[in-house]
Amino acid sequence: MSLVALEESRTFPPKMYLLVVWIVTSLFALFGIIVSAAWSIAFWIWTAVLLVSLRQVWATHWIQVDQKGIRVRNLLFHRKEVEWDTITDVNEREIPVRKNKSFFVLKISGEMNVRSSKETTIMIDSDIAGFDILRELIQNVMVSKASEQS
């Protein structure tokens, strides 16, 4: 597969139930902070729950792949972008979770097009809807890129 196959942009969203769970957890934690006595142990527990849930909402991201490269953005539109030509390394890690279930992480290293001298790493985990298609797409593009260089 070459970059010609990527003429139209494809977006891979997160699994929405995870985003909904963490947003609802944030709202419950905020309510817990409001109703608990100030500086009590319950206040600190709800604060910790709120911080963890907000971090999870921030970490939830959408992946966009097209002919130019890979872009990652979160709920607040914080973006990372790596062009295909600047990708230096793609690593895949498999983390066994259960007997027949694994969690996968793709680690893509390259230079950002905004700051050409800055190296960036995009971490894509298997909590993305269509992760298998995304992984295969990235692997095929990298193989075709390697064959063009040789």
N, C-alpha and C. Protein backbone atom coordinates (compact mmCIF):
# COMPACT_ATOMS: atom_id res chain seq x y z
N MET A 1 0.85 -1.18 0.00
CA MET A 1 0.00 0.00 0.00
C MET A 1 0.89 1.23 0.00
N SER A 2 0.62 2.15 -0.86
CA SER A 2 1.40 3.38 -0.92
C SER A 2 0.58 4.53 -0.35
N LEU A 3 1.19 5.70 -0.39
CA LEU A 3 0.48 6.88 0.12
C LEU A 3 -0.69 7.27 -0.77
N VAL A 4 -0.72 6.75 -1.99
CA VAL A 4 -1.84 7.04 -2.88
C VAL A 4 -3.14 6.50 -2.29
N ALA A 5 -3.05 5.39 -1.57
CA ALA A 5 -4.25 4.80 -0.95
C ALA A 5 -4.79 5.68 0.18
N LEU A 6 -3.99 6.64 0.63
CA LEU A 6 -4.41 7.51 1.73
C LEU A 6 -4.89 8.87 1.25
N GLU A 7 -5.40 8.94 0.04
CA GLU A 7 -5.82 10.23 -0.51
C GLU A 7 -6.88 10.90 0.35
N GLU A 8 -7.82 10.15 0.86
CA GLU A 8 -8.81 10.75 1.75
C GLU A 8 -8.40 10.49 3.20
N SER A 9 -8.63 11.48 4.01
CA SER A 9 -8.26 11.40 5.42
C SER A 9 -9.15 10.41 6.16
N ARG A 10 -8.54 9.62 7.05
CA ARG A 10 -9.31 8.69 7.89
C ARG A 10 -9.11 9.08 9.35
N THR A 11 -10.19 9.12 10.09
CA THR A 11 -10.13 9.45 11.50
C THR A 11 -10.51 8.23 12.31
N PHE A 12 -9.70 7.93 13.32
CA PHE A 12 -9.94 6.81 14.21
C PHE A 12 -10.28 7.38 15.59
N PRO A 13 -11.56 7.31 16.00
CA PRO A 13 -11.97 7.88 17.28
C PRO A 13 -11.64 6.94 18.44
N PRO A 14 -11.67 7.47 19.67
CA PRO A 14 -11.50 6.58 20.82
C PRO A 14 -12.76 5.75 21.00
N LYS A 15 -12.65 4.72 21.81
CA LYS A 15 -13.85 3.97 22.18
C LYS A 15 -14.67 4.88 23.08
N MET A 16 -15.84 5.26 22.62
CA MET A 16 -16.63 6.31 23.27
C MET A 16 -17.06 5.97 24.69
N TYR A 17 -17.24 4.69 24.99
CA TYR A 17 -17.67 4.36 26.35
C TYR A 17 -16.61 4.77 27.36
N LEU A 18 -15.33 4.73 26.99
CA LEU A 18 -14.27 5.15 27.92
C LEU A 18 -14.36 6.65 28.19
N LEU A 19 -14.58 7.42 27.15
CA LEU A 19 -14.71 8.86 27.31
C LEU A 19 -15.92 9.22 28.17
N VAL A 20 -17.03 8.56 27.94
CA VAL A 20 -18.25 8.81 28.72
C VAL A 20 -18.04 8.45 30.18
N VAL A 21 -17.42 7.30 30.43
CA VAL A 21 -17.16 6.87 31.82
C VAL A 21 -16.31 7.89 32.55
N TRP A 22 -15.24 8.38 31.92
CA TRP A 22 -14.35 9.32 32.60
C TRP A 22 -14.98 10.70 32.79
N ILE A 23 -15.81 11.13 31.85
CA ILE A 23 -16.50 12.41 32.03
C ILE A 23 -17.52 12.32 33.16
N VAL A 24 -18.28 11.23 33.21
CA VAL A 24 -19.25 11.03 34.29
C VAL A 24 -18.53 10.92 35.64
N THR A 25 -17.39 10.22 35.66
CA THR A 25 -16.60 10.12 36.89
C THR A 25 -16.13 11.49 37.33
N SER A 26 -15.71 12.33 36.39
CA SER A 26 -15.29 13.70 36.73
C SER A 26 -16.43 14.49 37.35
N LEU A 27 -17.63 14.34 36.79
CA LEU A 27 -18.78 15.07 37.33
C LEU A 27 -19.15 14.58 38.73
N PHE A 28 -19.11 13.26 38.95
CA PHE A 28 -19.37 12.73 40.29
C PHE A 28 -18.32 13.22 41.28
N ALA A 29 -17.06 13.23 40.86
CA ALA A 29 -15.99 13.69 41.75
C ALA A 29 -16.16 15.17 42.08
N LEU A 30 -16.55 15.97 41.11
CA LEU A 30 -16.78 17.38 41.35
C LEU A 30 -17.92 17.58 42.35
N PHE A 31 -18.99 16.80 42.17
CA PHE A 31 -20.10 16.85 43.12
C PHE A 31 -19.63 16.41 44.51
N GLY A 32 -18.80 15.35 44.57
CA GLY A 32 -18.28 14.88 45.85
C GLY A 32 -17.43 15.92 46.55
N ILE A 33 -16.65 16.68 45.79
CA ILE A 33 -15.83 17.75 46.37
C ILE A 33 -16.72 18.85 46.94
N ILE A 34 -17.78 19.18 46.22
CA ILE A 34 -18.67 20.26 46.66
C ILE A 34 -19.40 19.89 47.94
N VAL A 35 -19.89 18.65 48.05
CA VAL A 35 -20.69 18.28 49.22
C VAL A 35 -19.86 17.81 50.41
N SER A 36 -18.61 17.47 50.21
CA SER A 36 -17.81 17.01 51.35
C SER A 36 -17.29 18.21 52.15
N ALA A 37 -17.02 17.96 53.41
CA ALA A 37 -16.51 19.01 54.28
C ALA A 37 -15.12 19.43 53.81
N ALA A 38 -14.85 20.72 53.87
CA ALA A 38 -13.57 21.24 53.39
C ALA A 38 -12.40 20.62 54.15
N TRP A 39 -11.41 20.20 53.43
CA TRP A 39 -10.15 19.64 53.94
C TRP A 39 -10.32 18.33 54.70
N SER A 40 -11.45 17.67 54.55
CA SER A 40 -11.63 16.35 55.18
C SER A 40 -11.00 15.29 54.28
N ILE A 41 -10.95 14.06 54.78
CA ILE A 41 -10.38 12.96 54.00
C ILE A 41 -11.21 12.69 52.75
N ALA A 42 -12.54 12.84 52.86
CA ALA A 42 -13.41 12.66 51.69
C ALA A 42 -13.11 13.71 50.62
N PHE A 43 -12.83 14.94 51.05
CA PHE A 43 -12.47 16.00 50.11
C PHE A 43 -11.23 15.62 49.31
N TRP A 44 -10.22 15.09 49.99
CA TRP A 44 -8.97 14.72 49.31
C TRP A 44 -9.15 13.50 48.41
N ILE A 45 -9.98 12.56 48.83
CA ILE A 45 -10.25 11.39 47.98
C ILE A 45 -10.97 11.82 46.70
N TRP A 46 -12.00 12.66 46.85
CA TRP A 46 -12.72 13.14 45.66
C TRP A 46 -11.81 13.98 44.76
N THR A 47 -10.91 14.75 45.37
CA THR A 47 -9.96 15.54 44.58
C THR A 47 -9.05 14.63 43.77
N ALA A 48 -8.57 13.55 44.39
CA ALA A 48 -7.71 12.59 43.68
C ALA A 48 -8.48 11.92 42.54
N VAL A 49 -9.73 11.54 42.81
CA VAL A 49 -10.56 10.93 41.76
C VAL A 49 -10.77 11.92 40.61
N LEU A 50 -11.02 13.19 40.94
CA LEU A 50 -11.20 14.21 39.90
C LEU A 50 -9.94 14.38 39.06
N LEU A 51 -8.79 14.44 39.70
CA LEU A 51 -7.54 14.61 38.96
C LEU A 51 -7.26 13.43 38.03
N VAL A 52 -7.49 12.22 38.52
CA VAL A 52 -7.28 11.03 37.69
C VAL A 52 -8.25 11.02 36.52
N SER A 53 -9.51 11.32 36.77
CA SER A 53 -10.50 11.28 35.69
C SER A 53 -10.25 12.38 34.66
N LEU A 54 -9.84 13.57 35.10
CA LEU A 54 -9.52 14.62 34.14
C LEU A 54 -8.29 14.27 33.31
N ARG A 55 -7.33 13.61 33.93
CA ARG A 55 -6.15 13.16 33.18
C ARG A 55 -6.55 12.14 32.12
N GLN A 56 -7.47 11.25 32.45
CA GLN A 56 -7.93 10.25 31.49
C GLN A 56 -8.72 10.90 30.35
N VAL A 57 -9.51 11.92 30.66
CA VAL A 57 -10.22 12.64 29.60
C VAL A 57 -9.21 13.34 28.69
N TRP A 58 -8.18 13.94 29.27
CA TRP A 58 -7.14 14.61 28.49
C TRP A 58 -6.38 13.60 27.62
N ALA A 59 -6.17 12.40 28.11
CA ALA A 59 -5.40 11.39 27.38
C ALA A 59 -6.20 10.71 26.27
N THR A 60 -7.51 10.86 26.27
CA THR A 60 -8.34 10.28 25.21
C THR A 60 -8.11 11.08 23.94
N HIS A 61 -7.81 10.39 22.84
CA HIS A 61 -7.46 11.11 21.63
C HIS A 61 -8.01 10.47 20.36
N TRP A 62 -8.09 11.29 19.33
CA TRP A 62 -8.52 10.89 17.99
C TRP A 62 -7.28 10.88 17.11
N ILE A 63 -7.18 9.88 16.25
CA ILE A 63 -6.05 9.75 15.34
C ILE A 63 -6.55 10.05 13.93
N GLN A 64 -5.84 10.91 13.22
CA GLN A 64 -6.18 11.21 11.83
C GLN A 64 -4.98 10.84 10.97
N VAL A 65 -5.23 10.02 9.94
CA VAL A 65 -4.18 9.57 9.04
C VAL A 65 -4.56 9.99 7.63
N ASP A 66 -3.61 10.60 6.93
CA ASP A 66 -3.84 10.96 5.54
C ASP A 66 -2.52 10.89 4.78
N GLN A 67 -2.50 11.47 3.60
CA GLN A 67 -1.33 11.38 2.73
C GLN A 67 -0.14 12.13 3.32
N LYS A 68 -0.38 13.15 4.12
CA LYS A 68 0.71 13.93 4.71
C LYS A 68 1.36 13.22 5.89
N GLY A 69 0.55 12.60 6.76
CA GLY A 69 1.11 11.98 7.94
C GLY A 69 0.06 11.59 8.96
N ILE A 70 0.46 11.62 10.22
CA ILE A 70 -0.39 11.21 11.33
C ILE A 70 -0.58 12.40 12.26
N ARG A 71 -1.83 12.66 12.63
CA ARG A 71 -2.14 13.71 13.58
C ARG A 71 -2.93 13.12 14.73
N VAL A 72 -2.61 13.58 15.93
CA VAL A 72 -3.30 13.13 17.13
C VAL A 72 -3.84 14.37 17.83
N ARG A 73 -5.13 14.34 18.20
CA ARG A 73 -5.69 15.46 18.95
C ARG A 73 -6.57 14.91 20.07
N ASN A 74 -6.66 15.68 21.14
CA ASN A 74 -7.51 15.26 22.24
C ASN A 74 -8.78 16.09 22.27
N LEU A 75 -9.54 15.95 23.33
CA LEU A 75 -10.83 16.62 23.46
C LEU A 75 -10.70 18.14 23.39
N LEU A 76 -9.60 18.67 23.88
CA LEU A 76 -9.39 20.12 23.89
C LEU A 76 -8.56 20.59 22.69
N PHE A 77 -8.45 19.73 21.66
CA PHE A 77 -7.77 20.03 20.40
C PHE A 77 -6.27 20.24 20.54
N HIS A 78 -5.66 19.73 21.59
CA HIS A 78 -4.20 19.73 21.69
C HIS A 78 -3.70 18.74 20.64
N ARG A 79 -2.76 19.15 19.78
CA ARG A 79 -2.37 18.32 18.64
C ARG A 79 -0.90 17.98 18.64
N LYS A 80 -0.62 16.81 18.09
CA LYS A 80 0.73 16.39 17.70
C LYS A 80 0.62 15.93 16.26
N GLU A 81 1.63 16.22 15.47
CA GLU A 81 1.60 15.85 14.07
C GLU A 81 2.98 15.39 13.64
N VAL A 82 3.02 14.28 12.91
CA VAL A 82 4.27 13.78 12.34
C VAL A 82 3.99 13.44 10.89
N GLU A 83 4.82 13.97 9.99
CA GLU A 83 4.67 13.66 8.58
C GLU A 83 5.36 12.34 8.27
N TRP A 84 4.88 11.65 7.22
CA TRP A 84 5.43 10.34 6.87
C TRP A 84 6.93 10.41 6.61
N ASP A 85 7.39 11.48 5.95
CA ASP A 85 8.80 11.59 5.60
C ASP A 85 9.70 11.76 6.81
N THR A 86 9.16 12.29 7.90
CA THR A 86 9.99 12.57 9.07
C THR A 86 9.95 11.47 10.12
N ILE A 87 9.17 10.42 9.88
CA ILE A 87 9.09 9.32 10.85
C ILE A 87 10.41 8.56 10.83
N THR A 88 11.01 8.43 12.01
CA THR A 88 12.30 7.75 12.12
C THR A 88 12.17 6.34 12.68
N ASP A 89 11.13 6.09 13.47
CA ASP A 89 11.02 4.78 14.11
C ASP A 89 9.56 4.48 14.44
N VAL A 90 9.17 3.22 14.24
CA VAL A 90 7.84 2.74 14.64
C VAL A 90 8.05 1.46 15.43
N ASN A 91 7.66 1.48 16.69
CA ASN A 91 7.76 0.30 17.55
C ASN A 91 6.36 -0.13 17.97
N GLU A 92 6.17 -1.43 18.03
CA GLU A 92 4.89 -1.97 18.50
C GLU A 92 5.18 -2.83 19.72
N ARG A 93 4.40 -2.60 20.76
CA ARG A 93 4.57 -3.36 21.99
C ARG A 93 3.25 -4.05 22.32
N GLU A 94 3.33 -5.32 22.67
CA GLU A 94 2.15 -6.08 23.07
C GLU A 94 2.23 -6.35 24.56
N ILE A 95 1.16 -6.02 25.25
CA ILE A 95 1.09 -6.24 26.70
C ILE A 95 -0.03 -7.24 26.95
N PRO A 96 0.31 -8.46 27.39
CA PRO A 96 -0.75 -9.44 27.66
C PRO A 96 -1.59 -9.01 28.86
N VAL A 97 -2.90 -9.05 28.69
CA VAL A 97 -3.82 -8.66 29.75
C VAL A 97 -4.45 -9.89 30.38
N ARG A 98 -5.01 -10.73 29.54
CA ARG A 98 -5.59 -11.99 29.98
C ARG A 98 -5.06 -13.09 29.08
N LYS A 99 -5.57 -14.28 29.28
CA LYS A 99 -5.11 -15.44 28.52
C LYS A 99 -5.19 -15.22 27.01
N ASN A 100 -6.32 -14.75 26.52
CA ASN A 100 -6.52 -14.58 25.09
C ASN A 100 -6.65 -13.11 24.68
N LYS A 101 -6.26 -12.19 25.54
CA LYS A 101 -6.44 -10.76 25.26
C LYS A 101 -5.13 -10.02 25.48
N SER A 102 -4.81 -9.13 24.56
CA SER A 102 -3.60 -8.32 24.68
C SER A 102 -3.94 -6.86 24.44
N PHE A 103 -3.11 -5.99 24.99
CA PHE A 103 -3.21 -4.55 24.81
C PHE A 103 -2.01 -4.13 23.98
N PHE A 104 -2.21 -3.35 22.94
CA PHE A 104 -1.12 -2.99 22.04
C PHE A 104 -0.84 -1.50 22.13
N VAL A 105 0.44 -1.15 21.97
CA VAL A 105 0.86 0.24 21.95
C VAL A 105 1.78 0.43 20.74
N LEU A 106 1.45 1.39 19.89
CA LEU A 106 2.32 1.79 18.78
C LEU A 106 3.04 3.06 19.20
N LYS A 107 4.35 3.06 19.06
CA LYS A 107 5.15 4.23 19.41
C LYS A 107 5.80 4.73 18.13
N ILE A 108 5.40 5.90 17.67
CA ILE A 108 5.88 6.47 16.42
C ILE A 108 6.74 7.68 16.74
N SER A 109 8.00 7.64 16.32
CA SER A 109 8.93 8.74 16.57
C SER A 109 9.22 9.47 15.27
N GLY A 110 9.31 10.77 15.35
CA GLY A 110 9.61 11.58 14.18
C GLY A 110 9.74 13.04 14.56
N GLU A 111 9.95 13.88 13.57
CA GLU A 111 10.08 15.31 13.81
C GLU A 111 8.75 16.00 13.55
N MET A 112 8.42 16.93 14.42
CA MET A 112 7.20 17.71 14.23
C MET A 112 7.42 18.70 13.10
N ASN A 113 6.39 18.94 12.32
CA ASN A 113 6.55 19.89 11.23
C ASN A 113 6.50 21.34 11.71
N VAL A 114 6.01 21.57 12.91
CA VAL A 114 5.93 22.93 13.44
C VAL A 114 7.31 23.40 13.86
N ARG A 115 7.97 22.59 14.64
CA ARG A 115 9.35 22.88 15.06
C ARG A 115 10.23 21.80 14.45
N SER A 116 10.83 22.09 13.34
CA SER A 116 11.51 21.06 12.56
C SER A 116 12.66 20.40 13.31
N SER A 117 13.20 21.05 14.32
CA SER A 117 14.32 20.44 15.03
C SER A 117 13.87 19.63 16.25
N LYS A 118 12.58 19.64 16.56
CA LYS A 118 12.11 18.96 17.76
C LYS A 118 11.61 17.55 17.43
N GLU A 119 12.17 16.58 18.11
CA GLU A 119 11.75 15.18 17.98
C GLU A 119 10.49 14.98 18.82
N THR A 120 9.53 14.26 18.29
CA THR A 120 8.31 13.98 19.03
C THR A 120 7.98 12.50 18.94
N THR A 121 7.23 12.03 19.89
CA THR A 121 6.79 10.64 19.91
C THR A 121 5.28 10.62 20.07
N ILE A 122 4.63 9.86 19.22
CA ILE A 122 3.18 9.68 19.31
C ILE A 122 2.94 8.26 19.81
N MET A 123 2.21 8.16 20.90
CA MET A 123 1.84 6.85 21.45
C MET A 123 0.38 6.60 21.11
N ILE A 124 0.13 5.48 20.43
CA ILE A 124 -1.23 5.11 20.06
C ILE A 124 -1.52 3.76 20.71
N ASP A 125 -2.55 3.71 21.55
CA ASP A 125 -2.87 2.44 22.19
C ASP A 125 -4.10 1.82 21.55
N SER A 126 -4.38 0.59 21.94
CA SER A 126 -5.47 -0.16 21.31
C SER A 126 -6.85 0.21 21.84
N ASP A 127 -6.96 1.33 22.57
CA ASP A 127 -8.27 1.84 22.99
C ASP A 127 -8.91 2.69 21.90
N ILE A 128 -8.34 2.65 20.71
CA ILE A 128 -8.87 3.38 19.57
C ILE A 128 -9.78 2.45 18.77
N ALA A 129 -10.95 2.93 18.38
CA ALA A 129 -11.84 2.13 17.53
C ALA A 129 -11.16 1.95 16.17
N GLY A 130 -11.07 0.72 15.71
CA GLY A 130 -10.41 0.44 14.43
C GLY A 130 -8.90 0.37 14.54
N PHE A 131 -8.38 0.04 15.73
CA PHE A 131 -6.94 0.03 15.95
C PHE A 131 -6.23 -0.94 15.01
N ASP A 132 -6.81 -2.11 14.76
CA ASP A 132 -6.17 -3.09 13.87
C ASP A 132 -5.99 -2.53 12.46
N ILE A 133 -6.98 -1.82 11.97
CA ILE A 133 -6.88 -1.21 10.64
C ILE A 133 -5.81 -0.13 10.65
N LEU A 134 -5.79 0.68 11.70
CA LEU A 134 -4.79 1.74 11.83
C LEU A 134 -3.38 1.17 11.88
N ARG A 135 -3.19 0.13 12.68
CA ARG A 135 -1.88 -0.50 12.79
C ARG A 135 -1.42 -1.05 11.44
N GLU A 136 -2.31 -1.74 10.74
CA GLU A 136 -1.98 -2.30 9.43
C GLU A 136 -1.67 -1.19 8.42
N LEU A 137 -2.42 -0.12 8.47
CA LEU A 137 -2.20 1.01 7.58
C LEU A 137 -0.82 1.62 7.79
N ILE A 138 -0.44 1.84 9.04
CA ILE A 138 0.87 2.42 9.35
C ILE A 138 1.98 1.47 8.94
N GLN A 139 1.83 0.19 9.23
CA GLN A 139 2.86 -0.78 8.85
C GLN A 139 3.03 -0.84 7.33
N ASN A 140 1.93 -0.84 6.58
CA ASN A 140 2.02 -0.89 5.12
C ASN A 140 2.68 0.35 4.54
N VAL A 141 2.35 1.51 5.08
CA VAL A 141 2.97 2.74 4.59
C VAL A 141 4.46 2.74 4.89
N MET A 142 4.85 2.27 6.08
CA MET A 142 6.27 2.24 6.43
C MET A 142 7.03 1.23 5.57
N VAL A 143 6.41 0.10 5.24
CA VAL A 143 7.05 -0.89 4.37
C VAL A 143 7.23 -0.31 2.97
N SER A 144 6.20 0.36 2.45
CA SER A 144 6.32 0.96 1.12
C SER A 144 7.34 2.09 1.11
N LYS A 145 7.44 2.83 2.21
CA LYS A 145 8.44 3.89 2.33
C LYS A 145 9.84 3.31 2.33
N ALA A 146 10.03 2.18 3.04
CA ALA A 146 11.34 1.53 3.08
C ALA A 146 11.72 0.96 1.71
N SER A 147 10.75 0.40 0.99
CA SER A 147 11.05 -0.16 -0.33
C SER A 147 11.35 0.93 -1.35
N GLU A 148 10.76 2.11 -1.20
CA GLU A 148 11.05 3.23 -2.09
C GLU A 148 12.46 3.77 -1.86
N GLN A 149 12.93 3.71 -0.61
CA GLN A 149 14.26 4.22 -0.29
C GLN A 149 15.36 3.30 -0.77
N SER A 150 15.06 1.99 -0.89
CA SER A 150 16.11 1.06 -1.32
C SER A 150 16.07 0.77 -2.80
